[in-house]
């Protein structure tokens, strides 16, 4: 539980995991049970903001970024940063504080309402957001299986898929911070049963 008072009927759950682990799919399985938001969507919306693009244009020394669409910026930066830790840090300095601030402000507002909200994102612990939630759930799988999923989903090669983990905390470290760990080593029906069952247990523990 958070150190703050929680409104009756208010429950915030974070679902995380490294790229390709299946945390997005797990969160989608709960869309009929709670309001589900996705951290990636927030990141994409930020790239669509002109003031953010101006900062990125300055950080990357490319004024053309200002006139790009959010999707064009995302693709442009993706081709740069995953091969260059210094460039990744430049991106993170601009985007990550805004993402974290939005999540904390949203969580504070939701604490005043009744309902169940889920935020899914690979970077919840990297953004030091673990304390925002009543419960955190880590979806875990092997790097090899995750890379296979990313190759199919994003159309990238296996090497580039594996590089994404270089910019995320180790799963073992995340497991030590998460309240619940789900090993996504079965099929989709297995994952659905596991995450729905865990959601029901968490809801019962906090709201009954």
N, C-alpha and C. Protein backbone atom coordinates (compact mmCIF):
# COMPACT_ATOMS: atom_id res chain seq x y z
N UNK A 1 0.84 -1.21 0.00
CA UNK A 1 0.00 0.00 0.00
C UNK A 1 0.87 1.25 0.00
N UNK A 2 0.30 2.32 -0.53
CA UNK A 2 1.01 3.58 -0.50
C UNK A 2 1.01 4.15 0.90
N UNK A 3 1.90 5.08 1.14
CA UNK A 3 1.95 5.72 2.43
C UNK A 3 0.85 6.74 2.62
N UNK A 4 0.05 7.00 1.57
CA UNK A 4 -1.01 7.98 1.67
C UNK A 4 -2.36 7.29 1.87
N UNK A 5 -3.33 8.04 2.33
CA UNK A 5 -4.67 7.49 2.52
C UNK A 5 -5.31 7.21 1.17
N UNK A 6 -5.95 6.07 1.05
CA UNK A 6 -6.57 5.65 -0.21
C UNK A 6 -8.07 5.80 -0.09
N UNK A 7 -8.71 6.42 -1.08
CA UNK A 7 -10.15 6.58 -1.06
C UNK A 7 -10.83 5.22 -1.11
N UNK A 8 -11.99 5.11 -0.47
CA UNK A 8 -12.74 3.87 -0.50
C UNK A 8 -13.05 3.51 -1.94
N UNK A 9 -12.64 2.31 -2.35
CA UNK A 9 -12.93 1.87 -3.70
C UNK A 9 -11.93 2.30 -4.74
N UNK A 10 -10.83 2.94 -4.32
CA UNK A 10 -9.80 3.37 -5.27
C UNK A 10 -8.66 2.35 -5.28
N UNK A 11 -8.31 1.88 -6.46
CA UNK A 11 -7.26 0.88 -6.58
C UNK A 11 -6.45 1.15 -7.84
N UNK A 12 -5.12 1.30 -7.68
CA UNK A 12 -4.21 1.53 -8.80
C UNK A 12 -3.25 0.36 -8.90
N UNK A 13 -3.18 -0.21 -10.09
CA UNK A 13 -2.32 -1.37 -10.34
C UNK A 13 -1.37 -1.05 -11.48
N UNK A 14 -0.10 -1.37 -11.30
CA UNK A 14 0.89 -1.21 -12.36
C UNK A 14 1.27 -2.57 -12.92
N UNK A 15 1.30 -2.70 -14.23
CA UNK A 15 1.73 -3.94 -14.88
C UNK A 15 2.94 -3.62 -15.73
N UNK A 16 4.04 -4.33 -15.51
CA UNK A 16 5.27 -4.02 -16.19
C UNK A 16 6.00 -5.29 -16.62
N UNK A 17 7.13 -5.09 -17.25
CA UNK A 17 7.94 -6.18 -17.77
C UNK A 17 8.84 -5.61 -18.84
N UNK A 18 9.91 -6.28 -19.20
CA UNK A 18 10.76 -5.75 -20.25
C UNK A 18 10.11 -5.92 -21.61
N UNK A 19 10.66 -5.23 -22.60
CA UNK A 19 10.07 -5.25 -23.94
C UNK A 19 9.86 -6.68 -24.44
N UNK A 20 8.63 -6.95 -24.87
CA UNK A 20 8.32 -8.25 -25.43
C UNK A 20 7.87 -9.30 -24.44
N UNK A 21 7.85 -8.96 -23.14
CA UNK A 21 7.48 -9.96 -22.13
C UNK A 21 5.99 -10.30 -22.15
N UNK A 22 5.18 -9.44 -22.72
CA UNK A 22 3.75 -9.71 -22.79
C UNK A 22 2.91 -8.90 -21.84
N UNK A 23 3.50 -7.85 -21.24
CA UNK A 23 2.75 -7.06 -20.27
C UNK A 23 1.61 -6.27 -20.91
N UNK A 24 1.79 -5.85 -22.16
CA UNK A 24 0.71 -5.14 -22.85
C UNK A 24 -0.47 -6.06 -23.08
N UNK A 25 -0.20 -7.27 -23.53
CA UNK A 25 -1.27 -8.26 -23.74
C UNK A 25 -1.97 -8.58 -22.43
N UNK A 26 -1.19 -8.73 -21.36
CA UNK A 26 -1.77 -9.03 -20.05
C UNK A 26 -2.72 -7.91 -19.62
N UNK A 27 -2.30 -6.66 -19.81
CA UNK A 27 -3.14 -5.52 -19.44
C UNK A 27 -4.41 -5.49 -20.29
N UNK A 28 -4.28 -5.80 -21.56
CA UNK A 28 -5.45 -5.80 -22.45
C UNK A 28 -6.47 -6.83 -22.01
N UNK A 29 -6.02 -7.94 -21.44
CA UNK A 29 -6.95 -8.96 -20.95
C UNK A 29 -7.83 -8.44 -19.81
N UNK A 30 -7.40 -7.34 -19.17
CA UNK A 30 -8.14 -6.80 -18.03
C UNK A 30 -9.02 -5.61 -18.39
N UNK A 31 -9.12 -5.31 -19.68
CA UNK A 31 -9.87 -4.12 -20.11
C UNK A 31 -11.34 -4.20 -19.76
N UNK A 32 -11.88 -5.40 -19.61
CA UNK A 32 -13.29 -5.55 -19.23
C UNK A 32 -13.49 -5.42 -17.73
N UNK A 33 -12.41 -5.38 -16.97
CA UNK A 33 -12.50 -5.36 -15.51
C UNK A 33 -12.07 -4.04 -14.89
N UNK A 34 -11.32 -3.22 -15.64
CA UNK A 34 -10.77 -1.99 -15.10
C UNK A 34 -10.47 -1.03 -16.24
N UNK A 35 -10.19 0.22 -15.89
CA UNK A 35 -9.74 1.19 -16.88
C UNK A 35 -8.24 1.01 -17.08
N UNK A 36 -7.84 0.72 -18.31
CA UNK A 36 -6.44 0.41 -18.61
C UNK A 36 -5.83 1.52 -19.45
N UNK A 37 -4.65 1.99 -19.02
CA UNK A 37 -3.90 3.00 -19.75
C UNK A 37 -2.52 2.42 -20.08
N UNK A 38 -1.90 2.98 -21.13
CA UNK A 38 -0.62 2.45 -21.59
C UNK A 38 0.42 3.57 -21.63
N UNK A 39 1.55 3.33 -20.99
CA UNK A 39 2.58 4.35 -20.89
C UNK A 39 3.13 4.72 -22.26
N UNK A 40 3.22 3.76 -23.17
CA UNK A 40 3.72 4.06 -24.51
C UNK A 40 2.85 5.09 -25.21
N UNK A 41 1.54 4.99 -25.00
CA UNK A 41 0.64 5.95 -25.64
C UNK A 41 0.90 7.36 -25.13
N UNK A 42 1.21 7.47 -23.84
CA UNK A 42 1.56 8.77 -23.29
C UNK A 42 2.83 9.30 -23.94
N UNK A 43 3.83 8.43 -24.09
CA UNK A 43 5.07 8.84 -24.74
C UNK A 43 4.83 9.32 -26.15
N UNK A 44 3.97 8.61 -26.88
CA UNK A 44 3.68 9.01 -28.26
C UNK A 44 2.97 10.36 -28.30
N UNK A 45 2.06 10.59 -27.35
CA UNK A 45 1.37 11.88 -27.31
C UNK A 45 2.34 13.01 -27.00
N UNK A 46 3.29 12.76 -26.14
CA UNK A 46 4.28 13.79 -25.83
C UNK A 46 5.09 14.18 -27.06
N UNK A 47 5.43 13.19 -27.89
CA UNK A 47 6.20 13.50 -29.09
C UNK A 47 5.39 14.33 -30.07
N UNK A 48 4.08 14.33 -29.92
CA UNK A 48 3.24 15.15 -30.77
C UNK A 48 3.13 16.59 -30.31
N UNK A 49 3.66 16.90 -29.13
CA UNK A 49 3.61 18.26 -28.60
C UNK A 49 4.75 19.09 -29.18
N UNK A 50 4.42 20.28 -29.68
CA UNK A 50 5.44 21.10 -30.32
C UNK A 50 6.55 21.49 -29.36
N UNK A 51 6.21 21.81 -28.12
CA UNK A 51 7.25 22.24 -27.18
C UNK A 51 8.22 21.10 -26.88
N UNK A 52 7.73 19.85 -26.91
CA UNK A 52 8.61 18.70 -26.71
C UNK A 52 9.50 18.52 -27.94
N UNK A 53 8.92 18.67 -29.12
CA UNK A 53 9.71 18.52 -30.35
C UNK A 53 10.80 19.60 -30.43
N UNK A 54 10.50 20.80 -29.93
CA UNK A 54 11.51 21.86 -29.93
C UNK A 54 12.68 21.49 -29.02
N UNK A 55 12.38 20.93 -27.88
CA UNK A 55 13.46 20.51 -26.98
C UNK A 55 14.28 19.39 -27.60
N UNK A 56 13.59 18.45 -28.27
CA UNK A 56 14.30 17.35 -28.92
C UNK A 56 15.15 17.86 -30.08
N UNK A 57 14.62 18.83 -30.82
CA UNK A 57 15.39 19.42 -31.92
C UNK A 57 16.69 20.01 -31.40
N UNK A 58 16.61 20.67 -30.25
CA UNK A 58 17.82 21.25 -29.65
C UNK A 58 18.75 20.17 -29.14
N UNK A 59 18.18 19.16 -28.48
CA UNK A 59 19.00 18.09 -27.90
C UNK A 59 19.72 17.28 -28.95
N UNK A 60 19.08 17.08 -30.11
CA UNK A 60 19.66 16.24 -31.15
C UNK A 60 20.27 17.06 -32.29
N UNK A 61 20.23 18.39 -32.17
CA UNK A 61 20.84 19.23 -33.19
C UNK A 61 20.21 19.10 -34.55
N UNK A 62 18.90 18.87 -34.59
CA UNK A 62 18.20 18.71 -35.86
C UNK A 62 16.92 19.54 -35.84
N UNK A 63 16.93 20.74 -36.40
CA UNK A 63 15.73 21.60 -36.36
C UNK A 63 14.55 21.02 -37.12
N UNK A 64 14.79 20.05 -38.00
CA UNK A 64 13.69 19.46 -38.76
C UNK A 64 12.72 18.68 -37.86
N UNK A 65 13.17 18.31 -36.67
CA UNK A 65 12.31 17.56 -35.75
C UNK A 65 11.05 18.37 -35.42
N UNK A 66 11.17 19.67 -35.36
CA UNK A 66 10.04 20.52 -34.96
C UNK A 66 8.87 20.35 -35.92
N UNK A 67 9.15 20.18 -37.20
CA UNK A 67 8.10 20.10 -38.21
C UNK A 67 7.61 18.67 -38.45
N UNK A 68 8.19 17.70 -37.78
CA UNK A 68 7.77 16.31 -37.95
C UNK A 68 6.50 16.05 -37.16
N UNK A 69 5.75 15.02 -37.56
CA UNK A 69 4.64 14.53 -36.75
C UNK A 69 5.20 13.72 -35.60
N UNK A 70 4.36 13.45 -34.62
CA UNK A 70 4.81 12.64 -33.50
C UNK A 70 5.30 11.28 -33.94
N UNK A 71 4.59 10.65 -34.88
CA UNK A 71 4.99 9.33 -35.38
C UNK A 71 6.31 9.41 -36.13
N UNK A 72 6.50 10.47 -36.91
CA UNK A 72 7.77 10.63 -37.62
C UNK A 72 8.92 10.83 -36.65
N UNK A 73 8.70 11.57 -35.58
CA UNK A 73 9.74 11.76 -34.57
C UNK A 73 10.08 10.42 -33.92
N UNK A 74 9.04 9.66 -33.58
CA UNK A 74 9.28 8.37 -32.93
C UNK A 74 10.14 7.46 -33.80
N UNK A 75 9.81 7.37 -35.09
CA UNK A 75 10.58 6.51 -35.99
C UNK A 75 12.00 7.04 -36.18
N UNK A 76 12.11 8.34 -36.31
CA UNK A 76 13.43 8.95 -36.49
C UNK A 76 14.33 8.66 -35.30
N UNK A 77 13.81 8.87 -34.10
CA UNK A 77 14.62 8.67 -32.90
C UNK A 77 14.91 7.19 -32.65
N UNK A 78 13.95 6.33 -32.97
CA UNK A 78 14.17 4.89 -32.78
C UNK A 78 15.36 4.40 -33.58
N UNK A 79 15.54 4.96 -34.76
CA UNK A 79 16.67 4.55 -35.61
C UNK A 79 18.00 5.05 -35.07
N UNK A 80 17.95 6.01 -34.15
CA UNK A 80 19.19 6.59 -33.60
C UNK A 80 19.56 6.03 -32.24
N UNK A 81 18.60 5.99 -31.34
CA UNK A 81 18.96 5.87 -29.93
C UNK A 81 19.29 4.45 -29.49
N UNK A 82 18.72 3.42 -30.11
CA UNK A 82 18.95 2.07 -29.61
C UNK A 82 20.36 1.56 -29.90
N UNK A 83 21.09 2.26 -30.74
CA UNK A 83 22.49 1.91 -30.98
C UNK A 83 23.45 2.86 -30.28
N UNK A 84 22.91 3.81 -29.51
CA UNK A 84 23.77 4.84 -28.94
C UNK A 84 23.26 5.24 -27.56
N UNK A 85 23.87 4.72 -26.50
CA UNK A 85 23.41 5.04 -25.14
C UNK A 85 23.40 6.53 -24.84
N UNK A 86 24.34 7.28 -25.38
CA UNK A 86 24.37 8.73 -25.12
C UNK A 86 23.16 9.42 -25.73
N UNK A 87 22.78 9.00 -26.94
CA UNK A 87 21.60 9.59 -27.57
C UNK A 87 20.32 9.15 -26.86
N UNK A 88 20.32 7.92 -26.39
CA UNK A 88 19.17 7.46 -25.62
C UNK A 88 19.00 8.31 -24.37
N UNK A 89 20.10 8.65 -23.73
CA UNK A 89 20.03 9.49 -22.53
C UNK A 89 19.49 10.88 -22.87
N UNK A 90 19.86 11.42 -24.02
CA UNK A 90 19.32 12.72 -24.44
C UNK A 90 17.80 12.66 -24.58
N UNK A 91 17.34 11.59 -25.18
CA UNK A 91 15.88 11.42 -25.33
C UNK A 91 15.22 11.29 -23.97
N UNK A 92 15.79 10.48 -23.11
CA UNK A 92 15.20 10.24 -21.79
C UNK A 92 15.14 11.51 -20.95
N UNK A 93 16.16 12.35 -21.06
CA UNK A 93 16.19 13.58 -20.27
C UNK A 93 15.01 14.48 -20.63
N UNK A 94 14.61 14.47 -21.89
CA UNK A 94 13.49 15.31 -22.33
C UNK A 94 12.15 14.68 -21.99
N UNK A 95 12.02 13.37 -22.24
CA UNK A 95 10.71 12.72 -22.18
C UNK A 95 10.38 12.13 -20.82
N UNK A 96 11.33 11.46 -20.19
CA UNK A 96 11.01 10.70 -18.98
C UNK A 96 10.48 11.54 -17.82
N UNK A 97 11.07 12.70 -17.51
CA UNK A 97 10.49 13.48 -16.40
C UNK A 97 9.05 13.88 -16.65
N UNK A 98 8.71 14.17 -17.89
CA UNK A 98 7.33 14.54 -18.21
C UNK A 98 6.39 13.35 -18.05
N UNK A 99 6.84 12.19 -18.47
CA UNK A 99 6.02 10.98 -18.32
C UNK A 99 5.77 10.69 -16.84
N UNK A 100 6.83 10.74 -16.04
CA UNK A 100 6.70 10.45 -14.61
C UNK A 100 5.79 11.47 -13.93
N UNK A 101 5.94 12.73 -14.29
CA UNK A 101 5.10 13.77 -13.69
C UNK A 101 3.63 13.58 -14.04
N UNK A 102 3.36 13.22 -15.29
CA UNK A 102 1.97 12.97 -15.71
C UNK A 102 1.37 11.82 -14.91
N UNK A 103 2.13 10.73 -14.76
CA UNK A 103 1.61 9.57 -14.03
C UNK A 103 1.30 9.93 -12.58
N UNK A 104 2.20 10.65 -11.94
CA UNK A 104 1.98 11.01 -10.53
C UNK A 104 0.79 11.97 -10.39
N UNK A 105 0.66 12.91 -11.29
CA UNK A 105 -0.48 13.82 -11.23
C UNK A 105 -1.79 13.08 -11.48
N UNK A 106 -1.78 12.17 -12.44
CA UNK A 106 -2.98 11.39 -12.73
C UNK A 106 -3.35 10.51 -11.56
N UNK A 107 -2.35 9.89 -10.94
CA UNK A 107 -2.61 9.01 -9.79
C UNK A 107 -3.21 9.80 -8.63
N UNK A 108 -2.69 11.00 -8.39
CA UNK A 108 -3.22 11.83 -7.31
C UNK A 108 -4.68 12.17 -7.56
N UNK A 109 -5.03 12.44 -8.81
CA UNK A 109 -6.42 12.76 -9.13
C UNK A 109 -7.31 11.53 -8.97
N UNK A 110 -6.82 10.37 -9.38
CA UNK A 110 -7.63 9.16 -9.30
C UNK A 110 -7.85 8.71 -7.86
N UNK A 111 -6.96 9.09 -6.96
CA UNK A 111 -7.12 8.74 -5.56
C UNK A 111 -8.39 9.33 -4.96
N UNK A 112 -8.92 10.35 -5.60
CA UNK A 112 -10.12 11.01 -5.09
C UNK A 112 -11.40 10.41 -5.68
N UNK A 113 -11.23 9.39 -6.49
CA UNK A 113 -12.38 8.77 -7.15
C UNK A 113 -12.44 7.29 -6.82
N UNK A 114 -13.60 6.71 -7.00
CA UNK A 114 -13.74 5.27 -6.84
C UNK A 114 -13.57 4.59 -8.19
N UNK A 115 -12.88 3.47 -8.18
CA UNK A 115 -12.66 2.73 -9.42
C UNK A 115 -11.35 1.98 -9.37
N UNK A 116 -11.11 1.21 -10.41
CA UNK A 116 -9.86 0.45 -10.54
C UNK A 116 -9.18 0.90 -11.82
N UNK A 117 -7.92 1.30 -11.69
CA UNK A 117 -7.16 1.77 -12.84
C UNK A 117 -5.87 0.98 -12.95
N UNK A 118 -5.53 0.65 -14.18
CA UNK A 118 -4.30 -0.10 -14.46
C UNK A 118 -3.44 0.70 -15.43
N UNK A 119 -2.15 0.83 -15.10
CA UNK A 119 -1.20 1.45 -16.02
C UNK A 119 -0.19 0.40 -16.42
N UNK A 120 -0.07 0.18 -17.72
CA UNK A 120 0.91 -0.76 -18.25
C UNK A 120 2.08 0.00 -18.84
N UNK A 121 3.29 -0.46 -18.57
CA UNK A 121 4.45 0.16 -19.16
C UNK A 121 5.72 -0.58 -18.81
N UNK A 122 6.61 -0.72 -19.77
CA UNK A 122 7.87 -1.41 -19.51
C UNK A 122 8.76 -0.63 -18.55
N UNK A 123 8.57 0.69 -18.47
CA UNK A 123 9.51 1.54 -17.73
C UNK A 123 8.99 2.04 -16.40
N UNK A 124 8.01 1.38 -15.82
CA UNK A 124 7.46 1.87 -14.56
C UNK A 124 8.51 1.95 -13.47
N UNK A 125 9.34 0.94 -13.34
CA UNK A 125 10.38 0.97 -12.32
C UNK A 125 11.55 1.87 -12.73
N UNK A 126 11.87 1.92 -14.03
CA UNK A 126 12.93 2.80 -14.48
C UNK A 126 12.59 4.26 -14.20
N UNK A 127 11.30 4.59 -14.23
CA UNK A 127 10.84 5.95 -13.94
C UNK A 127 10.56 6.17 -12.46
N UNK A 128 10.93 5.17 -11.65
CA UNK A 128 10.75 5.27 -10.19
C UNK A 128 9.30 5.52 -9.81
N UNK A 129 8.39 4.79 -10.45
CA UNK A 129 6.96 4.97 -10.22
C UNK A 129 6.34 3.84 -9.39
N UNK A 130 7.14 2.95 -8.86
CA UNK A 130 6.59 1.83 -8.12
C UNK A 130 5.72 2.24 -6.95
N UNK A 131 6.06 3.36 -6.30
CA UNK A 131 5.32 3.79 -5.13
C UNK A 131 3.97 4.41 -5.47
N UNK A 132 3.71 4.63 -6.74
CA UNK A 132 2.43 5.22 -7.16
C UNK A 132 1.28 4.22 -6.98
N UNK A 133 1.60 2.94 -7.09
CA UNK A 133 0.57 1.91 -7.19
C UNK A 133 0.33 1.19 -5.86
N UNK A 134 -0.89 0.68 -5.72
CA UNK A 134 -1.19 -0.20 -4.60
C UNK A 134 -0.54 -1.56 -4.80
N UNK A 135 -0.49 -1.99 -6.06
CA UNK A 135 0.12 -3.28 -6.39
C UNK A 135 0.82 -3.16 -7.73
N UNK A 136 1.95 -3.86 -7.86
CA UNK A 136 2.62 -3.95 -9.15
C UNK A 136 2.76 -5.42 -9.54
N UNK A 137 2.56 -5.68 -10.82
CA UNK A 137 2.65 -7.04 -11.35
C UNK A 137 3.70 -7.04 -12.45
N UNK A 138 4.66 -7.94 -12.35
CA UNK A 138 5.70 -8.08 -13.37
C UNK A 138 5.39 -9.30 -14.24
N UNK A 139 5.35 -9.08 -15.55
CA UNK A 139 5.23 -10.19 -16.50
C UNK A 139 6.65 -10.49 -16.97
N UNK A 140 7.06 -11.75 -16.83
CA UNK A 140 8.46 -12.13 -17.08
C UNK A 140 8.55 -13.26 -18.10
N UNK A 141 9.56 -13.17 -18.97
CA UNK A 141 9.83 -14.25 -19.92
C UNK A 141 11.30 -14.19 -20.32
N UNK A 142 11.75 -15.15 -21.09
CA UNK A 142 13.15 -15.19 -21.50
C UNK A 142 13.42 -14.16 -22.59
N UNK A 143 14.67 -13.72 -22.69
CA UNK A 143 15.06 -12.76 -23.72
C UNK A 143 14.80 -13.33 -25.11
N UNK A 144 15.04 -14.61 -25.29
CA UNK A 144 14.88 -15.22 -26.61
C UNK A 144 13.42 -15.19 -27.05
N UNK A 145 12.50 -15.56 -26.16
CA UNK A 145 11.08 -15.54 -26.52
C UNK A 145 10.58 -14.12 -26.72
N UNK A 146 11.07 -13.20 -25.91
CA UNK A 146 10.66 -11.80 -26.05
C UNK A 146 11.16 -11.22 -27.37
N UNK A 147 12.38 -11.56 -27.74
CA UNK A 147 12.92 -11.07 -29.01
C UNK A 147 12.09 -11.60 -30.18
N UNK A 148 11.66 -12.84 -30.10
CA UNK A 148 10.80 -13.41 -31.15
C UNK A 148 9.51 -12.60 -31.29
N UNK A 149 8.93 -12.25 -30.16
CA UNK A 149 7.69 -11.46 -30.21
C UNK A 149 7.93 -10.10 -30.84
N UNK A 150 9.03 -9.44 -30.46
CA UNK A 150 9.32 -8.11 -30.98
C UNK A 150 9.60 -8.15 -32.48
N UNK A 151 10.25 -9.19 -32.94
CA UNK A 151 10.51 -9.33 -34.38
C UNK A 151 9.20 -9.41 -35.14
N UNK A 152 8.26 -10.20 -34.63
CA UNK A 152 6.97 -10.35 -35.29
C UNK A 152 6.12 -9.09 -35.17
N UNK A 153 6.15 -8.45 -33.99
CA UNK A 153 5.28 -7.30 -33.74
C UNK A 153 5.77 -6.03 -34.42
N UNK A 154 7.09 -5.78 -34.33
CA UNK A 154 7.63 -4.50 -34.77
C UNK A 154 8.39 -4.58 -36.09
N UNK A 155 8.58 -5.78 -36.63
CA UNK A 155 9.27 -5.92 -37.90
C UNK A 155 10.74 -5.59 -37.84
N UNK A 156 11.36 -5.79 -36.67
CA UNK A 156 12.79 -5.53 -36.51
C UNK A 156 13.54 -6.85 -36.48
N UNK A 157 14.87 -6.79 -36.59
CA UNK A 157 15.63 -8.02 -36.54
C UNK A 157 15.89 -8.44 -35.09
N UNK A 158 16.33 -9.66 -34.91
CA UNK A 158 16.50 -10.20 -33.56
C UNK A 158 17.53 -9.43 -32.75
N UNK A 159 18.60 -9.01 -33.41
CA UNK A 159 19.64 -8.26 -32.70
C UNK A 159 19.10 -6.95 -32.15
N UNK A 160 18.35 -6.22 -32.98
CA UNK A 160 17.78 -4.95 -32.52
C UNK A 160 16.75 -5.17 -31.43
N UNK A 161 16.02 -6.27 -31.52
CA UNK A 161 15.04 -6.58 -30.49
C UNK A 161 15.72 -6.78 -29.14
N UNK A 162 16.81 -7.50 -29.14
CA UNK A 162 17.52 -7.77 -27.89
C UNK A 162 18.18 -6.51 -27.32
N UNK A 163 18.55 -5.58 -28.19
CA UNK A 163 19.19 -4.35 -27.71
C UNK A 163 18.26 -3.55 -26.81
N UNK A 164 16.96 -3.68 -27.00
CA UNK A 164 16.02 -2.89 -26.20
C UNK A 164 16.15 -3.19 -24.72
N UNK A 165 16.54 -4.42 -24.40
CA UNK A 165 16.71 -4.76 -22.98
C UNK A 165 17.91 -4.05 -22.37
N UNK A 166 18.84 -3.59 -23.21
CA UNK A 166 20.04 -2.92 -22.68
C UNK A 166 19.69 -1.62 -21.97
N UNK A 167 18.52 -1.07 -22.28
CA UNK A 167 18.13 0.22 -21.72
C UNK A 167 17.03 0.06 -20.66
N UNK A 168 16.85 -1.16 -20.20
CA UNK A 168 15.85 -1.45 -19.17
C UNK A 168 16.51 -2.21 -18.03
N UNK A 169 15.92 -2.09 -16.85
CA UNK A 169 16.45 -2.82 -15.70
C UNK A 169 16.36 -4.32 -15.94
N UNK A 170 17.26 -5.06 -15.32
CA UNK A 170 17.21 -6.52 -15.42
C UNK A 170 15.91 -7.03 -14.81
N UNK A 171 15.36 -8.09 -15.39
CA UNK A 171 14.11 -8.64 -14.89
C UNK A 171 14.23 -9.10 -13.45
N UNK A 172 15.41 -9.59 -13.07
CA UNK A 172 15.59 -10.03 -11.68
C UNK A 172 15.45 -8.86 -10.72
N UNK A 173 15.96 -7.70 -11.12
CA UNK A 173 15.83 -6.51 -10.28
C UNK A 173 14.37 -6.07 -10.19
N UNK A 174 13.69 -6.12 -11.32
CA UNK A 174 12.28 -5.74 -11.32
C UNK A 174 11.46 -6.72 -10.48
N UNK A 175 11.81 -8.00 -10.54
CA UNK A 175 11.08 -9.01 -9.77
C UNK A 175 11.21 -8.73 -8.28
N UNK A 176 12.35 -8.20 -7.86
CA UNK A 176 12.56 -7.91 -6.44
C UNK A 176 11.72 -6.73 -5.98
N UNK A 177 11.26 -5.90 -6.92
CA UNK A 177 10.46 -4.73 -6.57
C UNK A 177 8.97 -4.95 -6.76
N UNK A 178 8.61 -5.92 -7.59
CA UNK A 178 7.20 -6.15 -7.90
C UNK A 178 6.51 -6.94 -6.79
N UNK A 179 5.22 -6.69 -6.62
CA UNK A 179 4.46 -7.45 -5.64
C UNK A 179 4.14 -8.85 -6.10
N UNK A 180 3.93 -9.02 -7.41
CA UNK A 180 3.59 -10.31 -7.99
C UNK A 180 4.36 -10.50 -9.28
N UNK A 181 4.83 -11.71 -9.52
CA UNK A 181 5.56 -12.03 -10.75
C UNK A 181 4.82 -13.15 -11.48
N UNK A 182 4.60 -12.93 -12.78
CA UNK A 182 3.97 -13.93 -13.63
C UNK A 182 4.96 -14.37 -14.69
N UNK A 183 5.28 -15.65 -14.74
CA UNK A 183 6.15 -16.17 -15.79
C UNK A 183 5.30 -16.49 -17.01
N UNK A 184 5.52 -15.72 -18.07
CA UNK A 184 4.73 -15.86 -19.28
C UNK A 184 5.34 -16.92 -20.19
N UNK A 185 5.32 -18.16 -19.72
CA UNK A 185 5.96 -19.25 -20.45
C UNK A 185 4.96 -20.25 -21.02
N UNK A 186 3.69 -19.81 -21.15
CA UNK A 186 2.67 -20.67 -21.75
C UNK A 186 2.06 -19.98 -22.95
N UNK A 187 0.84 -20.37 -23.29
CA UNK A 187 0.17 -19.73 -24.41
C UNK A 187 -0.66 -18.54 -23.92
N UNK A 188 -1.39 -17.91 -24.83
CA UNK A 188 -2.16 -16.73 -24.48
C UNK A 188 -3.26 -17.05 -23.47
N UNK A 189 -3.88 -18.20 -23.60
CA UNK A 189 -4.94 -18.57 -22.66
C UNK A 189 -4.37 -18.74 -21.26
N UNK A 190 -3.17 -19.29 -21.18
CA UNK A 190 -2.51 -19.42 -19.88
C UNK A 190 -2.26 -18.05 -19.26
N UNK A 191 -1.75 -17.11 -20.06
CA UNK A 191 -1.48 -15.77 -19.56
C UNK A 191 -2.77 -15.10 -19.11
N UNK A 192 -3.82 -15.28 -19.89
CA UNK A 192 -5.11 -14.67 -19.52
C UNK A 192 -5.61 -15.21 -18.19
N UNK A 193 -5.56 -16.52 -18.01
CA UNK A 193 -6.02 -17.10 -16.74
C UNK A 193 -5.20 -16.58 -15.58
N UNK A 194 -3.88 -16.49 -15.77
CA UNK A 194 -3.01 -16.04 -14.68
C UNK A 194 -3.30 -14.60 -14.31
N UNK A 195 -3.38 -13.70 -15.30
CA UNK A 195 -3.51 -12.28 -14.98
C UNK A 195 -4.91 -11.97 -14.45
N UNK A 196 -5.94 -12.63 -14.96
CA UNK A 196 -7.29 -12.41 -14.44
C UNK A 196 -7.39 -12.92 -13.01
N UNK A 197 -6.79 -14.07 -12.74
CA UNK A 197 -6.80 -14.60 -11.38
C UNK A 197 -6.07 -13.68 -10.41
N UNK A 198 -4.93 -13.16 -10.82
CA UNK A 198 -4.18 -12.24 -9.97
C UNK A 198 -4.96 -10.96 -9.75
N UNK A 199 -5.58 -10.45 -10.80
CA UNK A 199 -6.39 -9.24 -10.68
C UNK A 199 -7.52 -9.45 -9.66
N UNK A 200 -8.16 -10.59 -9.71
CA UNK A 200 -9.25 -10.87 -8.77
C UNK A 200 -8.73 -10.95 -7.34
N UNK A 201 -7.56 -11.55 -7.16
CA UNK A 201 -6.97 -11.62 -5.82
C UNK A 201 -6.62 -10.23 -5.29
N UNK A 202 -6.03 -9.40 -6.15
CA UNK A 202 -5.67 -8.05 -5.73
C UNK A 202 -6.90 -7.24 -5.39
N UNK A 203 -7.92 -7.34 -6.23
CA UNK A 203 -9.16 -6.59 -5.99
C UNK A 203 -9.79 -7.00 -4.67
N UNK A 204 -9.82 -8.28 -4.42
CA UNK A 204 -10.41 -8.78 -3.18
C UNK A 204 -9.62 -8.29 -1.97
N UNK A 205 -8.32 -8.31 -2.09
CA UNK A 205 -7.44 -7.91 -0.97
C UNK A 205 -7.61 -6.44 -0.63
N UNK A 206 -7.85 -5.60 -1.62
CA UNK A 206 -7.87 -4.16 -1.38
C UNK A 206 -9.27 -3.58 -1.26
N UNK A 207 -10.26 -4.20 -1.87
CA UNK A 207 -11.57 -3.56 -1.95
C UNK A 207 -12.67 -4.27 -1.17
N UNK A 208 -12.45 -5.54 -0.81
CA UNK A 208 -13.51 -6.24 -0.08
C UNK A 208 -13.54 -5.79 1.39
